Amino acid sequence: MSIQVVDKDKLIESLHRFVYARVLVIGDIILDEYIWGSVSRISPEAPVPVVEVQKQSQMLGGAGNVVSNLVSLGAKPMLCAVVGEDQAGFRILTKIKEMGVEANAIFVDRQRPTSIKTRVIAHNQQVVRFDKESKSPISRKILNKILESASHSMDGTDVILVSDYGKGVVSRELMEGLQALARKKQIPIAVDPKIGNFSFYRGVDILTPNNDEASSYCRFVIEGDKSLISAGHMLLDELACSAVLITQGKDGMTLFEKGGSVTHIPAVAKEVYDVTGAGDTVIATLTLGIAAGLDLPSSAIMANFAGGIVVGKVGTSTVSPNELKAAILDYGAKGN
């Protein structure tokens, strides 16, 4: 296993090409709600904290957070997703349009609710989360609309990014249809996976599981280099992927490539406040690196810097080009 050398000039130069990147995002879009407050006492009704609410906010989650990260980094992504015919769906459509992203490939399904995750945050810590969602597969009609829309978006697309949050959009049929379309145009497909759906991703170009997701698929706990390398090769071989990037939190990330190359990228985060949405930031930045002409190891390094920035923020967050540039320049300085 080799340690990838950081070429700062190469990474920074590629940031300027992000504005030309064309990434097609397909997956589960979620409305992330945050209730912010403080805790000063325990409820007399039950042994739980009483949160005094100070403010509330809403952000795009899931595939929506991927798109937010792409836009924040200067790209103009396209999005195929599904919402319900409800207030949350309307808010998502409004936020998408406010970012300057076309919403004509976000389809409304009257038979399912929009996915909502509500988090209660007190003193920069999550107290509780509650979800409203449907995990049932989308209808054949909606599936066909997504594939038709994707087909129309293929010309000029650099990378297809699939964001699977297990809410019913991503299926075996969707992935087979996307791969058939992508092969004709020689467009790589990158997938942020969901536990239980790994068989859907067979033959994709890049898979980005975190340590727990990889462990679940491989049916053994990843602890140490030996088990990590075994997991990476198992994923490559059994799923016939071209590359697998296993993210490992405080231990960084490791890239496995089809030709046998294994590259470890140490973590760069200085402080970790919240890992919410970090995987979205990683795969968004990874695909932008590929679209900007970076090789896969360099794209992974760029994604590692972006992930290190976003875990230092509370809540679903994004990264700007200036933040990414500063983190790259700061790497290796002052004992970092």
Protein backbone atom coordinates (compact mmCIF):
# COMPACT_ATOMS: atom_id res chain seq x y z
CA MET A 1 0.00 0.00 0.00
CA SER A 2 1.46 3.35 -1.03
CA ILE A 3 0.88 6.81 0.44
CA GLN A 4 -0.17 9.29 -2.22
CA VAL A 5 2.04 12.38 -2.54
CA VAL A 6 0.11 15.68 -2.60
CA ASP A 7 0.89 17.81 -5.65
CA LYS A 8 -0.46 21.15 -4.44
CA ASP A 9 0.04 23.01 -7.72
CA LYS A 10 -1.75 20.30 -9.69
CA LEU A 11 -4.73 20.29 -7.35
CA ILE A 12 -5.07 24.07 -7.16
CA GLU A 13 -4.77 24.44 -10.94
CA SER A 14 -7.63 21.98 -11.44
CA LEU A 15 -9.98 24.05 -9.24
CA HIS A 16 -10.32 26.55 -12.08
CA ARG A 17 -11.77 23.83 -14.33
CA PHE A 18 -14.61 22.95 -11.96
CA VAL A 19 -16.82 25.59 -13.61
CA TYR A 20 -16.73 23.60 -16.85
CA ALA A 21 -17.59 20.25 -15.25
CA ARG A 22 -20.87 18.60 -16.19
CA VAL A 23 -22.04 16.11 -13.55
CA LEU A 24 -25.38 14.32 -13.80
CA VAL A 25 -26.68 13.49 -10.31
CA ILE A 26 -29.34 10.80 -9.86
CA GLY A 27 -30.68 9.60 -6.52
CA ASP A 28 -32.69 10.18 -3.38
CA ILE A 29 -33.30 13.80 -2.49
CA ILE A 30 -34.07 14.67 1.13
CA LEU A 31 -35.15 17.80 2.98
CA ASP A 32 -32.88 18.22 6.01
CA GLU A 33 -34.57 20.16 8.79
CA TYR A 34 -32.66 21.50 11.79
CA ILE A 35 -34.12 22.64 15.10
CA TRP A 36 -31.45 24.58 16.99
CA GLY A 37 -31.62 25.23 20.72
CA SER A 38 -30.09 24.86 24.14
CA VAL A 39 -30.53 22.47 27.05
CA SER A 40 -30.55 23.61 30.67
CA ARG A 41 -32.74 21.00 32.35
CA ILE A 42 -34.13 17.47 32.21
CA SER A 43 -37.84 16.92 31.61
CA PRO A 44 -39.90 16.03 34.74
CA GLU A 45 -42.00 13.76 32.49
CA ALA A 46 -39.17 11.47 31.37
CA PRO A 47 -35.34 11.30 31.67
CA VAL A 48 -34.79 13.32 28.50
CA PRO A 49 -33.34 16.80 27.89
CA VAL A 50 -35.69 19.73 27.33
CA VAL A 51 -34.52 21.68 24.27
CA GLU A 52 -35.43 25.36 24.25
CA VAL A 53 -35.80 26.12 20.55
CA GLN A 54 -33.95 29.19 19.30
CA LYS A 55 -34.20 28.83 15.51
CA GLN A 56 -35.06 26.43 12.70
CA SER A 57 -33.51 25.92 9.27
CA GLN A 58 -33.89 23.71 6.22
CA MET A 59 -31.30 22.46 3.75
CA LEU A 60 -31.10 19.99 0.91
CA GLY A 61 -29.93 16.52 1.90
CA GLY A 62 -29.07 13.29 0.10
CA ALA A 63 -28.69 13.88 -3.63
CA GLY A 64 -29.69 17.48 -2.93
CA ASN A 65 -26.64 17.96 -0.71
CA VAL A 66 -24.46 16.46 -3.44
CA VAL A 67 -25.84 19.06 -5.84
CA SER A 68 -25.33 21.82 -3.25
CA ASN A 69 -21.67 20.81 -2.95
CA LEU A 70 -21.21 20.75 -6.72
CA VAL A 71 -22.76 24.23 -7.05
CA SER A 72 -20.69 25.56 -4.12
CA LEU A 73 -17.54 24.37 -5.91
CA GLY A 74 -18.54 26.22 -9.08
CA ALA A 75 -20.06 23.45 -11.22
CA LYS A 76 -23.42 23.40 -12.99
CA PRO A 77 -24.87 19.96 -12.19
CA MET A 78 -28.00 18.32 -13.54
CA LEU A 79 -30.34 16.45 -11.19
CA CYS A 80 -32.81 13.58 -11.60
CA ALA A 81 -34.81 12.85 -8.45
CA VAL A 82 -38.29 12.29 -6.99
CA VAL A 83 -40.35 14.28 -4.47
CA GLY A 84 -43.86 13.93 -3.11
CA GLU A 85 -46.77 16.24 -3.80
CA ASP A 86 -46.42 18.04 -0.49
CA GLN A 87 -44.99 21.14 1.17
CA ALA A 88 -41.57 19.57 1.66
CA GLY A 89 -41.41 18.71 -2.04
CA PHE A 90 -42.32 22.29 -2.93
CA ARG A 91 -39.54 23.58 -0.67
CA ILE A 92 -37.02 21.29 -2.32
CA LEU A 93 -38.04 22.46 -5.80
CA THR A 94 -37.76 26.08 -4.65
CA LYS A 95 -34.29 25.57 -3.19
CA ILE A 96 -33.10 23.76 -6.32
CA LYS A 97 -34.26 26.64 -8.52
CA GLU A 98 -32.69 29.20 -6.18
CA MET A 99 -29.32 27.49 -6.75
CA GLY A 100 -29.73 27.93 -10.50
CA VAL A 101 -30.17 24.19 -11.12
CA GLU A 102 -32.88 23.04 -13.52
CA ALA A 103 -35.74 21.23 -11.77
CA ASN A 104 -37.49 19.75 -14.82
CA ALA A 105 -36.04 16.29 -14.08
CA ILE A 106 -37.32 16.24 -10.49
CA PHE A 107 -40.48 14.21 -10.77
CA VAL A 108 -43.49 14.47 -8.46
CA ASP A 109 -44.94 11.18 -7.22
CA ARG A 110 -48.36 11.61 -5.60
CA GLN A 111 -48.14 8.16 -4.04
CA ARG A 112 -45.17 8.86 -1.74
CA PRO A 113 -44.08 11.57 0.71
CA THR A 114 -41.01 13.69 0.28
CA SER A 115 -38.18 12.32 2.45
CA ILE A 116 -37.57 14.53 5.49
CA LYS A 117 -34.91 14.17 8.20
CA THR A 118 -35.43 16.42 11.20
CA ARG A 119 -32.51 16.87 13.58
CA VAL A 120 -32.62 18.58 16.98
CA ILE A 121 -29.27 20.26 17.75
CA ALA A 122 -28.29 21.65 21.14
CA HIS A 123 -24.84 23.03 22.03
CA ASN A 124 -23.48 21.84 18.66
CA GLN A 125 -24.55 18.26 19.34
CA GLN A 126 -27.37 16.24 17.82
CA VAL A 127 -29.94 15.33 20.48
CA VAL A 128 -32.34 13.30 18.36
CA ARG A 129 -33.38 12.74 14.72
CA PHE A 130 -36.72 11.71 13.34
CA ASP A 131 -37.52 10.74 9.74
CA LYS A 132 -40.56 10.88 7.49
CA GLU A 133 -40.11 8.85 4.33
CA SER A 134 -41.07 5.96 2.06
CA LYS A 135 -38.49 3.31 1.19
CA SER A 136 -40.66 1.53 -1.35
CA PRO A 137 -39.33 1.42 -4.95
CA ILE A 138 -40.48 4.18 -7.27
CA SER A 139 -43.04 3.22 -9.89
CA ARG A 140 -42.07 1.90 -13.31
CA LYS A 141 -43.51 5.09 -14.80
CA ILE A 142 -41.23 7.34 -12.74
CA LEU A 143 -38.24 5.04 -13.36
CA ASN A 144 -38.75 5.32 -17.11
CA LYS A 145 -39.00 9.11 -16.83
CA ILE A 146 -35.66 9.24 -14.98
CA LEU A 147 -33.93 7.06 -17.56
CA GLU A 148 -35.44 9.10 -20.40
CA SER A 149 -34.28 12.33 -18.80
CA ALA A 150 -30.81 10.87 -18.19
CA SER A 151 -30.60 9.81 -21.83
CA HIS A 152 -31.35 13.36 -22.96
CA SER A 153 -28.63 14.71 -20.61
CA MET A 154 -25.82 12.40 -21.75
CA ASP A 155 -24.35 14.69 -24.38
CA GLY A 156 -21.72 16.82 -22.68
CA THR A 157 -21.90 14.95 -19.38
CA ASP A 158 -18.48 14.18 -17.87
CA VAL A 159 -19.53 11.94 -14.95
CA ILE A 160 -22.75 10.33 -13.70
CA LEU A 161 -23.05 10.42 -9.91
CA VAL A 162 -25.56 8.10 -8.20
CA SER A 163 -26.48 9.06 -4.61
CA ASP A 164 -28.23 6.09 -2.99
CA TYR A 165 -29.89 6.79 0.36
CA GLY A 166 -32.20 3.78 0.17
CA LYS A 167 -35.40 5.79 -0.35
CA GLY A 168 -36.52 3.90 -3.45
CA VAL A 169 -35.04 5.75 -6.42
CA VAL A 170 -31.97 3.55 -6.94
CA SER A 171 -32.72 -0.01 -8.02
CA ARG A 172 -31.18 -2.79 -10.08
CA GLU A 173 -33.31 -1.71 -13.05
CA LEU A 174 -32.19 1.91 -12.74
CA MET A 175 -28.51 0.97 -12.56
CA GLU A 176 -28.74 -1.43 -15.52
CA GLY A 177 -30.47 1.27 -17.56
CA LEU A 178 -27.91 3.92 -16.61
CA GLN A 179 -24.97 1.67 -17.40
CA ALA A 180 -26.40 0.85 -20.83
CA LEU A 181 -26.73 4.58 -21.56
CA ALA A 182 -23.31 5.45 -20.12
CA ARG A 183 -21.47 2.75 -22.09
CA LYS A 184 -22.63 4.25 -25.38
CA LYS A 185 -21.08 7.61 -24.45
CA GLN A 186 -18.16 6.21 -22.41
CA ILE A 187 -19.21 8.19 -19.35
CA PRO A 188 -17.97 6.94 -15.94
CA ILE A 189 -20.48 6.21 -13.18
CA ALA A 190 -19.62 6.91 -9.53
CA VAL A 191 -21.87 5.58 -6.76
CA ASP A 192 -22.22 6.55 -3.11
CA PRO A 193 -23.71 3.24 -1.90
CA LYS A 194 -26.32 2.13 0.60
CA ILE A 195 -26.04 -1.00 2.75
CA GLY A 196 -28.21 -3.73 1.25
CA ASN A 197 -28.05 -2.40 -2.31
CA PHE A 198 -24.48 -3.34 -3.28
CA SER A 199 -25.60 -5.94 -5.82
CA PHE A 200 -27.18 -3.11 -7.83
CA TYR A 201 -23.80 -1.51 -8.47
CA ARG A 202 -22.07 -4.33 -10.30
CA GLY A 203 -19.89 -2.99 -13.10
CA VAL A 204 -19.85 0.68 -12.08
CA ASP A 205 -16.63 2.63 -12.43
CA ILE A 206 -16.23 4.01 -8.90
CA LEU A 207 -17.79 2.97 -5.60
CA THR A 208 -17.30 5.08 -2.45
CA PRO A 209 -18.41 3.10 0.63
CA ASN A 210 -17.49 4.18 4.12
CA ASN A 211 -15.85 1.73 6.52
CA ASP A 212 -19.15 0.46 7.95
CA GLU A 213 -20.76 -0.02 4.55
CA ALA A 214 -17.73 -1.93 3.26
CA SER A 215 -17.68 -4.07 6.42
CA SER A 216 -21.36 -4.88 6.05
CA TYR A 217 -20.94 -6.03 2.47
CA CYS A 218 -17.83 -8.09 3.20
CA ARG A 219 -19.37 -9.61 6.36
CA PHE A 220 -16.31 -8.94 8.52
CA VAL A 221 -15.14 -6.00 10.60
CA ILE A 222 -12.48 -3.87 8.93
CA GLU A 223 -9.74 -3.31 11.51
CA GLY A 224 -6.20 -2.70 10.37
CA ASP A 225 -4.51 -2.86 6.99
CA LYS A 226 -4.96 -6.58 6.40
CA SER A 227 -8.74 -6.61 6.67
CA LEU A 228 -8.96 -3.29 4.81
CA ILE A 229 -7.02 -4.63 1.84
CA SER A 230 -9.09 -7.83 1.85
CA ALA A 231 -12.30 -5.76 1.79
CA GLY A 232 -11.11 -3.54 -1.02
CA HIS A 233 -10.14 -6.46 -3.23
CA MET A 234 -13.39 -8.30 -2.43
CA LEU A 235 -15.44 -5.29 -3.51
CA LEU A 236 -13.42 -4.86 -6.69
CA ASP A 237 -13.63 -8.54 -7.63
CA GLU A 238 -17.21 -9.39 -6.67
CA LEU A 239 -18.76 -6.19 -8.01
CA ALA A 240 -16.45 -5.88 -11.05
CA CYS A 241 -15.83 -2.19 -10.34
CA SER A 242 -12.94 -0.25 -11.84
CA ALA A 243 -12.17 1.42 -8.51
CA VAL A 244 -13.30 1.42 -4.87
CA LEU A 245 -12.63 4.30 -2.47
CA ILE A 246 -13.20 3.25 1.16
CA THR A 247 -13.56 6.27 3.45
CA GLN A 248 -12.41 5.65 7.02
CA GLY A 249 -13.16 8.80 9.00
CA LYS A 250 -10.22 9.74 11.21
CA ASP A 251 -8.05 7.18 9.38
CA GLY A 252 -8.46 8.87 6.00
CA MET A 253 -9.41 6.92 2.88
CA THR A 254 -7.96 4.16 0.74
CA LEU A 255 -8.28 3.84 -3.03
CA PHE A 256 -8.28 0.41 -4.69
CA GLU A 257 -7.90 0.30 -8.47
CA LYS A 258 -8.60 -2.56 -10.84
CA GLY A 259 -4.97 -2.91 -11.91
CA GLY A 260 -3.93 -3.75 -8.36
CA SER A 261 -2.84 -0.32 -7.14
CA VAL A 262 -3.73 0.47 -3.52
CA THR A 263 -3.27 4.06 -2.32
CA HIS A 264 -3.84 5.31 1.20
CA ILE A 265 -4.71 8.97 1.78
CA PRO A 266 -4.29 10.11 5.42
CA ALA A 267 -7.01 12.23 7.04
CA VAL A 268 -6.51 16.00 7.09
CA ALA A 269 -9.40 17.09 9.35
CA LYS A 270 -8.19 19.16 12.33
CA GLU A 271 -11.47 19.06 14.28
CA VAL A 272 -14.56 16.92 13.79
CA TYR A 273 -17.90 18.43 14.84
CA ASP A 274 -20.40 16.69 12.58
CA VAL A 275 -20.02 13.99 9.91
CA THR A 276 -23.50 14.66 8.49
CA GLY A 277 -23.28 14.83 4.70
CA ALA A 278 -19.52 14.26 4.58
CA GLY A 279 -19.95 11.39 2.13
CA ASP A 280 -21.89 13.71 -0.19
CA THR A 281 -19.03 16.20 -0.13
CA VAL A 282 -16.46 13.48 -0.81
CA ILE A 283 -18.17 12.00 -3.86
CA ALA A 284 -19.12 15.43 -5.24
CA THR A 285 -15.50 16.59 -5.07
CA LEU A 286 -14.19 13.27 -6.38
CA THR A 287 -16.36 13.47 -9.49
CA LEU A 288 -15.43 17.11 -10.06
CA GLY A 289 -11.75 16.15 -9.93
CA ILE A 290 -12.35 13.47 -12.57
CA ALA A 291 -14.37 15.89 -14.72
CA ALA A 292 -11.56 18.47 -14.38
CA GLY A 293 -9.03 16.00 -15.79
CA LEU A 294 -7.34 14.80 -12.60
CA ASP A 295 -6.35 11.16 -12.32
CA LEU A 296 -8.25 9.07 -9.79
CA PRO A 297 -5.68 9.24 -6.93
CA SER A 298 -5.45 13.04 -7.26
CA SER A 299 -9.24 13.32 -7.37
CA ALA A 300 -9.41 11.24 -4.17
CA ILE A 301 -6.89 13.54 -2.48
CA MET A 302 -9.01 16.55 -3.45
CA ALA A 303 -12.09 14.79 -2.03
CA ASN A 304 -10.18 14.06 1.18
CA PHE A 305 -9.42 17.75 1.66
CA ALA A 306 -13.07 18.65 1.06
CA GLY A 307 -14.28 16.01 3.51
CA GLY A 308 -11.84 17.27 6.12
CA ILE A 309 -13.31 20.76 5.83
CA VAL A 310 -16.97 19.78 6.00
CA VAL A 311 -16.69 17.62 9.15
CA GLY A 312 -15.45 20.74 10.93
CA LYS A 313 -18.87 22.34 10.44
CA VAL A 314 -22.16 21.58 12.19
CA GLY A 315 -25.05 20.33 10.06
CA THR A 316 -25.30 19.53 6.38
CA SER A 317 -22.59 21.73 4.86
CA THR A 318 -20.74 22.51 1.65
CA VAL A 319 -17.23 23.56 0.67
CA SER A 320 -16.14 26.54 -1.44
CA PRO A 321 -13.19 26.66 -3.86
CA ASN A 322 -11.45 29.19 -1.60
CA GLU A 323 -11.77 26.89 1.42
CA LEU A 324 -10.43 24.00 -0.61
CA LYS A 325 -7.53 26.06 -1.92
CA ALA A 326 -6.66 27.26 1.59
CA ALA A 327 -6.73 23.69 2.96
CA ILE A 328 -4.43 22.48 0.18
CA LEU A 329 -1.97 25.33 0.69
CA ASP A 330 -2.01 24.80 4.46
CA TYR A 331 -1.26 21.09 4.18
CA GLY A 332 2.14 20.23 5.59
CA ALA A 333 2.58 23.68 7.13
CA LYS A 334 2.91 24.36 10.89
CA GLY A 335 3.13 20.70 11.68
CA ASN A 336 -0.11 19.78 9.84
